[in-house]
Amino acid sequence: MKVVLGFSGGVDSAVSAALLRRAGWEVVGLYLDNTDENARRDAVDTAAFLSIPLEIRDVRAELEEKVCAPFCQSYLRGETPNPCILCNPSVKFRALLETADRLGAEAIATGHYARAEGGALYKGQPSNDQSYMLCRLRREQLDRLVLPLGGMEKTETRALAERLSLPVAHKKDSMEICFIPDKDYVGWLSRRGELPPPGDFIFHGEVVGRHEGIVRYTVGQRKAGLIDGRKVYISRIDAGTNAIELALWEELFKTELTARDFNWLIDVPAGPIRAGVRVRHTRWEEPACIATPIGEGRVRIECDTPVRAPAPGQSAVLYDGDKVLGGGFIV
């Protein structure tokens, strides 16, 4: 049996390759090249150490069309996008599936910490669960997906890498956006020539100051300084008026939200269903809710207990216990 593994050269993909081979798979690595020479060299060297063939695919054009441009447009709309959630179905897993089909491979794999079983997606271990990031996978991608690290914690992965004497056993995890390696997304946006101008801070209907441009802020973020002796937070970003509304902590919490472009990983429910919901990539906030499809790919979500600052552009992901039901973009 042959599997095409998304291979970055980091510890997760290296250990995944070792586990897949141990399970009897013939592993082919696929490195998605975005011009980072150091990362590409790590992938090539680690694949050679493991004696697995490695294909390198230039994904710059696909990344620009499917991820970078929508990421930029989302920020200009006053949203807070998650580029990995955009990338996974449209670039990364699409490339894996295309390569698998070309090579006659039965399966695709990545080093994500989640579980893929029987065409369904489930949470990984609580300490490093990444199921939220995979909420927009297409069902044909999920049907052929193998996730070797699904039942492991990151500490176990590193311990296994040491036992296997992998050269990347102690390589630091990559925390930055791959196309913004210096983490300066405002600088990245400015180099594209798309920074909006300063505008007003509004608190309870009154102008209380000036902001430096809406792309520098996100819903839920605390604004430095006090107003009337109280801490205030970003509650709404209005790209149309170029205004940012502020609120007190207790005013950030919402019980109702709507998600657009909802990607169901189960058959679309005929009516309301009970579920749990995450509105950001955290593992400590998942209130029970009623989720109701309302047409045009939208889902209304009514939470039993309020969630803090659901941010437009982020994903609302529904769960039935450990099972991922799907996810859409908060509006």
Protein backbone atom coordinates (compact mmCIF):
# COMPACT_ATOMS: atom_id res chain seq x y z
CA MET A 1 0.00 0.00 0.00
CA LYS A 2 1.31 3.45 -0.94
CA VAL A 3 0.67 6.73 0.90
CA VAL A 4 1.63 10.30 0.01
CA LEU A 5 2.71 12.15 3.15
CA GLY A 6 2.82 15.92 3.51
CA PHE A 7 6.47 16.26 4.45
CA SER A 8 7.84 19.51 5.89
CA GLY A 9 11.02 18.10 7.38
CA GLY A 10 9.85 18.88 10.90
CA VAL A 11 9.53 16.42 13.74
CA ASP A 12 5.82 15.70 13.17
CA SER A 13 6.14 14.71 9.51
CA ALA A 14 9.36 12.79 10.14
CA VAL A 15 7.82 10.70 12.93
CA SER A 16 4.69 10.24 10.79
CA ALA A 17 6.85 8.79 8.02
CA ALA A 18 8.48 6.37 10.46
CA LEU A 19 5.14 5.25 11.89
CA LEU A 20 3.61 4.76 8.46
CA ARG A 21 6.51 2.59 7.34
CA ARG A 22 6.27 0.60 10.57
CA ALA A 23 2.60 -0.02 9.72
CA GLY A 24 3.55 -1.40 6.31
CA TRP A 25 2.98 1.63 4.08
CA GLU A 26 5.20 2.56 1.15
CA VAL A 27 5.76 6.25 1.90
CA VAL A 28 6.31 9.03 -0.64
CA GLY A 29 6.94 12.50 0.80
CA LEU A 30 5.52 15.67 -0.75
CA TYR A 31 7.11 18.99 0.17
CA LEU A 32 5.07 22.08 -0.70
CA ASP A 33 7.63 24.70 -1.65
CA ASN A 34 7.03 28.34 -0.79
CA THR A 35 10.65 29.46 -1.41
CA ASP A 36 11.91 28.94 2.18
CA GLU A 37 15.36 27.54 1.42
CA ASN A 38 16.12 26.42 4.99
CA ALA A 39 12.82 24.54 5.30
CA ARG A 40 13.31 22.92 1.90
CA ARG A 41 16.81 21.80 2.85
CA ASP A 42 15.51 20.31 6.11
CA ALA A 43 12.85 18.37 4.20
CA VAL A 44 15.35 17.03 1.66
CA ASP A 45 17.89 16.05 4.35
CA THR A 46 15.31 14.39 6.60
CA ALA A 47 13.76 12.46 3.72
CA ALA A 48 17.23 11.23 2.77
CA PHE A 49 17.89 10.17 6.37
CA LEU A 50 14.64 8.19 6.37
CA SER A 51 15.30 6.81 2.86
CA ILE A 52 11.93 7.92 1.51
CA PRO A 53 11.44 9.50 -1.93
CA LEU A 54 10.52 13.19 -1.79
CA GLU A 55 8.67 15.20 -4.40
CA ILE A 56 8.87 19.00 -4.29
CA ARG A 57 5.95 21.01 -5.61
CA ASP A 58 6.06 24.77 -6.10
CA VAL A 59 2.79 26.06 -4.61
CA ARG A 60 3.44 29.81 -4.74
CA ALA A 61 0.79 30.54 -7.36
CA GLU A 62 -1.81 28.34 -5.65
CA LEU A 63 -1.00 29.84 -2.25
CA GLU A 64 -1.41 33.37 -3.60
CA GLU A 65 -4.77 32.63 -5.22
CA LYS A 66 -6.32 30.41 -2.55
CA VAL A 67 -4.79 31.75 0.66
CA CYS A 68 -2.77 34.98 0.47
CA ALA A 69 -5.27 37.05 -1.53
CA PRO A 70 -8.32 35.90 0.51
CA PHE A 71 -6.31 36.44 3.74
CA CYS A 72 -5.59 40.01 2.69
CA GLN A 73 -9.17 40.70 1.59
CA SER A 74 -10.50 39.30 4.86
CA TYR A 75 -8.36 41.68 6.92
CA LEU A 76 -9.52 44.62 4.78
CA ARG A 77 -13.12 43.64 5.59
CA GLY A 78 -12.33 43.96 9.29
CA GLU A 79 -12.11 40.19 9.84
CA THR A 80 -9.54 37.95 11.52
CA PRO A 81 -8.77 35.12 9.07
CA ASN A 82 -6.98 31.86 9.82
CA PRO A 83 -4.74 31.08 6.82
CA CYS A 84 -4.16 27.41 7.71
CA ILE A 85 -7.89 26.70 7.62
CA LEU A 86 -7.99 28.28 4.15
CA CYS A 87 -4.89 26.42 2.97
CA ASN A 88 -5.65 22.89 4.11
CA PRO A 89 -8.46 21.94 1.69
CA SER A 90 -7.56 24.21 -1.22
CA VAL A 91 -3.76 23.86 -1.38
CA LYS A 92 -2.18 21.29 0.96
CA PHE A 93 -4.68 18.41 0.80
CA ARG A 94 -5.55 19.14 -2.82
CA ALA A 95 -1.87 18.73 -3.73
CA LEU A 96 -1.61 15.54 -1.67
CA LEU A 97 -4.66 14.00 -3.35
CA GLU A 98 -3.53 14.98 -6.86
CA THR A 99 -0.12 13.46 -6.22
CA ALA A 100 -1.66 10.31 -4.77
CA ASP A 101 -3.87 9.88 -7.83
CA ARG A 102 -0.90 10.38 -10.18
CA LEU A 103 1.22 7.84 -8.31
CA GLY A 104 -1.57 5.34 -7.77
CA ALA A 105 -1.39 5.75 -3.97
CA GLU A 106 -4.34 4.57 -1.91
CA ALA A 107 -4.01 7.17 0.84
CA ILE A 108 -2.71 10.59 1.88
CA ALA A 109 -1.28 11.53 5.28
CA THR A 110 -0.12 14.48 7.35
CA GLY A 111 1.36 15.03 10.81
CA HIS A 112 -1.73 16.72 12.23
CA TYR A 113 -2.81 15.84 15.76
CA ALA A 114 -6.32 14.61 15.01
CA ARG A 115 -7.89 11.27 14.12
CA ALA A 116 -9.31 10.20 10.76
CA GLU A 117 -11.38 7.04 11.03
CA GLY A 118 -13.91 5.60 8.61
CA GLY A 119 -14.24 8.81 6.62
CA ALA A 120 -14.86 10.89 9.76
CA LEU A 121 -12.67 13.37 11.64
CA TYR A 122 -12.15 13.27 15.41
CA LYS A 123 -10.25 15.23 18.02
CA GLY A 124 -6.68 14.34 18.90
CA GLN A 125 -5.30 14.39 22.43
CA PRO A 126 -6.56 17.45 24.35
CA SER A 127 -3.07 18.89 24.90
CA ASN A 128 -2.40 19.33 21.17
CA ASP A 129 -5.66 18.69 19.30
CA GLN A 130 -5.64 20.18 15.78
CA SER A 131 -9.03 18.98 14.56
CA TYR A 132 -10.27 22.60 14.48
CA MET A 133 -7.73 23.38 11.75
CA LEU A 134 -9.07 20.58 9.52
CA CYS A 135 -12.74 21.56 9.66
CA ARG A 136 -12.90 22.54 5.97
CA LEU A 137 -11.46 19.35 4.50
CA ARG A 138 -13.50 17.94 1.67
CA ARG A 139 -15.06 14.59 2.27
CA GLU A 140 -13.16 13.00 -0.62
CA GLN A 141 -9.93 14.17 1.07
CA LEU A 142 -11.03 12.86 4.45
CA ASP A 143 -12.03 9.48 2.99
CA ARG A 144 -8.39 8.76 2.06
CA LEU A 145 -6.68 10.44 5.00
CA VAL A 146 -4.38 8.72 7.48
CA LEU A 147 -3.21 10.66 10.57
CA PRO A 148 -0.43 8.66 12.28
CA LEU A 149 -0.10 11.07 15.23
CA GLY A 150 -3.81 11.19 16.03
CA GLY A 151 -3.57 9.36 19.33
CA MET A 152 -0.28 10.89 20.46
CA GLU A 153 0.80 13.90 22.47
CA LYS A 154 3.61 16.11 21.22
CA THR A 155 5.88 14.97 24.05
CA GLU A 156 5.46 11.37 22.84
CA THR A 157 6.31 12.42 19.29
CA ARG A 158 9.55 14.08 20.37
CA ALA A 159 10.47 11.11 22.57
CA LEU A 160 9.96 8.75 19.63
CA ALA A 161 12.01 11.03 17.37
CA GLU A 162 14.87 10.78 19.88
CA ARG A 163 14.65 6.99 20.02
CA LEU A 164 14.76 6.89 16.21
CA SER A 165 17.74 9.31 16.26
CA LEU A 166 15.97 11.63 13.85
CA PRO A 167 18.05 14.73 13.09
CA VAL A 168 14.97 16.95 13.65
CA ALA A 169 14.10 15.50 17.07
CA HIS A 170 14.78 18.85 18.74
CA LYS A 171 13.79 21.15 15.89
CA LYS A 172 11.51 23.93 17.13
CA ASP A 173 7.89 23.91 16.08
CA SER A 174 6.97 26.39 13.38
CA MET A 175 4.51 28.87 14.88
CA GLU A 176 4.48 31.55 12.20
CA ILE A 177 2.36 31.88 9.05
CA CYS A 178 4.41 30.20 6.31
CA PHE A 179 4.14 33.17 3.94
CA ILE A 180 4.82 35.69 6.75
CA PRO A 181 7.85 34.12 8.47
CA ASP A 182 8.72 37.29 10.42
CA LYS A 183 5.17 37.31 11.94
CA ASP A 184 4.71 40.95 10.83
CA TYR A 185 1.40 40.60 9.03
CA VAL A 186 0.85 44.39 9.03
CA GLY A 187 4.17 44.83 7.24
CA TRP A 188 3.19 42.07 4.81
CA LEU A 189 -0.12 43.80 4.07
CA SER A 190 1.63 47.14 3.63
CA ARG A 191 4.01 45.64 1.06
CA ARG A 192 0.92 44.69 -0.93
CA GLY A 193 -0.10 48.36 -0.81
CA GLU A 194 -3.37 47.72 0.97
CA LEU A 195 -3.24 49.37 4.41
CA PRO A 196 -6.41 51.28 5.35
CA PRO A 197 -6.06 54.70 7.01
CA PRO A 198 -6.53 55.64 10.68
CA GLY A 199 -10.05 56.09 11.99
CA ASP A 200 -12.20 56.50 15.09
CA PHE A 201 -12.51 54.45 18.25
CA ILE A 202 -16.15 54.42 19.34
CA PHE A 203 -17.27 53.58 22.89
CA HIS A 204 -21.00 53.44 23.61
CA GLY A 205 -21.74 55.69 20.63
CA GLU A 206 -19.09 58.34 21.34
CA VAL A 207 -15.75 58.95 19.63
CA VAL A 208 -13.06 58.39 22.28
CA GLY A 209 -9.88 58.36 20.21
CA ARG A 210 -8.14 57.43 16.97
CA HIS A 211 -6.91 54.05 15.80
CA GLU A 212 -3.98 53.37 13.46
CA GLY A 213 -5.86 51.29 10.88
CA ILE A 214 -8.35 48.45 11.24
CA VAL A 215 -5.91 45.69 10.17
CA ARG A 216 -3.92 46.24 13.37
CA TYR A 217 -6.76 45.05 15.60
CA THR A 218 -8.94 42.02 16.17
CA VAL A 219 -12.21 41.45 18.01
CA GLY A 220 -11.59 40.56 21.65
CA GLN A 221 -8.23 42.33 21.83
CA ARG A 222 -7.75 44.68 24.79
CA LYS A 223 -7.15 48.31 23.90
CA ALA A 224 -4.30 49.78 25.89
CA GLY A 225 -5.38 52.38 28.43
CA LEU A 226 -8.59 52.95 30.32
CA ILE A 227 -11.82 54.76 29.55
CA ASP A 228 -13.61 56.22 32.57
CA GLY A 229 -11.28 54.09 34.69
CA ARG A 230 -12.39 50.85 33.01
CA LYS A 231 -10.60 48.38 30.73
CA VAL A 232 -12.06 48.24 27.24
CA TYR A 233 -11.79 45.76 24.36
CA ILE A 234 -12.36 45.64 20.61
CA SER A 235 -15.93 44.48 20.07
CA ARG A 236 -16.57 45.28 16.39
CA ILE A 237 -14.56 46.42 13.39
CA ASP A 238 -16.57 48.27 10.75
CA ALA A 239 -14.60 48.41 7.50
CA GLY A 240 -17.38 50.44 5.84
CA THR A 241 -17.05 53.40 8.23
CA ASN A 242 -13.43 52.63 9.19
CA ALA A 243 -14.50 52.70 12.84
CA ILE A 244 -13.62 50.35 15.69
CA GLU A 245 -16.18 49.87 18.44
CA LEU A 246 -15.05 49.27 22.01
CA ALA A 247 -16.83 47.47 24.82
CA LEU A 248 -16.42 46.39 28.41
CA TRP A 249 -15.31 42.83 29.17
CA GLU A 250 -18.79 41.61 30.02
CA GLU A 251 -20.14 43.04 26.75
CA LEU A 252 -17.89 40.78 24.65
CA PHE A 253 -19.83 37.61 25.41
CA LYS A 254 -22.39 36.35 22.87
CA THR A 255 -24.86 33.49 22.86
CA GLU A 256 -25.81 33.69 19.17
CA LEU A 257 -23.69 33.78 16.03
CA THR A 258 -23.92 32.84 12.37
CA ALA A 259 -21.38 30.97 10.25
CA ARG A 260 -21.26 31.26 6.46
CA ASP A 261 -19.88 28.88 3.80
CA PHE A 262 -20.39 26.03 6.24
CA ASN A 263 -18.50 22.87 5.31
CA TRP A 264 -20.36 19.82 6.62
CA LEU A 265 -18.37 16.63 7.22
CA ILE A 266 -21.65 14.79 7.76
CA ASP A 267 -24.84 14.84 5.71
CA VAL A 268 -26.43 18.27 6.04
CA PRO A 269 -28.96 18.10 8.90
CA ALA A 270 -32.60 18.60 7.97
CA GLY A 271 -33.15 20.73 11.08
CA PRO A 272 -31.60 21.87 14.36
CA ILE A 273 -29.04 19.63 16.03
CA ARG A 274 -27.32 19.63 19.41
CA ALA A 275 -23.55 20.03 19.30
CA GLY A 276 -20.55 21.66 20.95
CA VAL A 277 -18.91 24.65 19.27
CA ARG A 278 -15.43 26.18 19.19
CA VAL A 279 -15.07 29.73 17.92
CA ARG A 280 -11.26 29.82 18.02
CA HIS A 281 -8.36 27.39 18.14
CA THR A 282 -8.50 26.72 21.88
CA ARG A 283 -9.25 23.58 23.82
CA TRP A 284 -10.94 25.09 26.87
CA GLU A 285 -14.00 26.78 25.36
CA GLU A 286 -16.60 24.52 23.75
CA PRO A 287 -20.12 25.28 24.99
CA ALA A 288 -23.10 23.19 24.03
CA CYS A 289 -25.30 24.74 21.37
CA ILE A 290 -28.15 24.29 18.95
CA ALA A 291 -26.98 24.55 15.32
CA THR A 292 -29.57 25.19 12.62
CA PRO A 293 -28.91 25.27 8.85
CA ILE A 294 -30.67 28.38 7.51
CA GLY A 295 -29.92 28.14 3.79
CA GLU A 296 -27.26 29.46 1.43
CA GLY A 297 -24.56 27.60 3.32
CA ARG A 298 -25.24 29.41 6.59
CA VAL A 299 -25.73 27.96 10.06
CA ARG A 300 -27.21 29.77 13.06
CA ILE A 301 -25.58 28.76 16.34
CA GLU A 302 -27.29 29.38 19.69
CA CYS A 303 -25.01 28.64 22.66
CA ASP A 304 -26.19 27.42 26.05
CA THR A 305 -23.52 29.59 27.69
CA PRO A 306 -21.97 32.71 26.16
CA VAL A 307 -18.71 32.55 24.17
CA ARG A 308 -16.18 35.36 24.40
CA ALA A 309 -15.76 37.67 21.42
CA PRO A 310 -16.57 35.48 18.41
CA ALA A 311 -14.48 37.19 15.72
CA PRO A 312 -15.70 37.53 12.12
CA GLY A 313 -13.40 35.60 9.79
CA GLN A 314 -12.49 32.99 12.38
CA SER A 315 -14.14 29.57 12.15
CA ALA A 316 -17.02 28.18 14.19
CA VAL A 317 -16.49 24.43 14.35
CA LEU A 318 -19.19 22.01 15.53
CA TYR A 319 -18.49 18.79 17.45
CA ASP A 320 -20.51 15.79 18.55
CA GLY A 321 -18.31 14.65 21.41
CA ASP A 322 -14.96 14.03 19.72
CA LYS A 323 -16.39 13.93 16.20
CA VAL A 324 -16.05 17.01 13.97
CA LEU A 325 -19.33 17.82 12.25
CA GLY A 326 -18.05 20.71 10.15
CA GLY A 327 -17.09 24.35 10.26
CA GLY A 328 -17.86 27.74 8.73
CA PHE A 329 -16.68 31.34 8.89
CA ILE A 330 -18.16 33.58 11.58
CA VAL A 331 -20.00 36.64 10.23
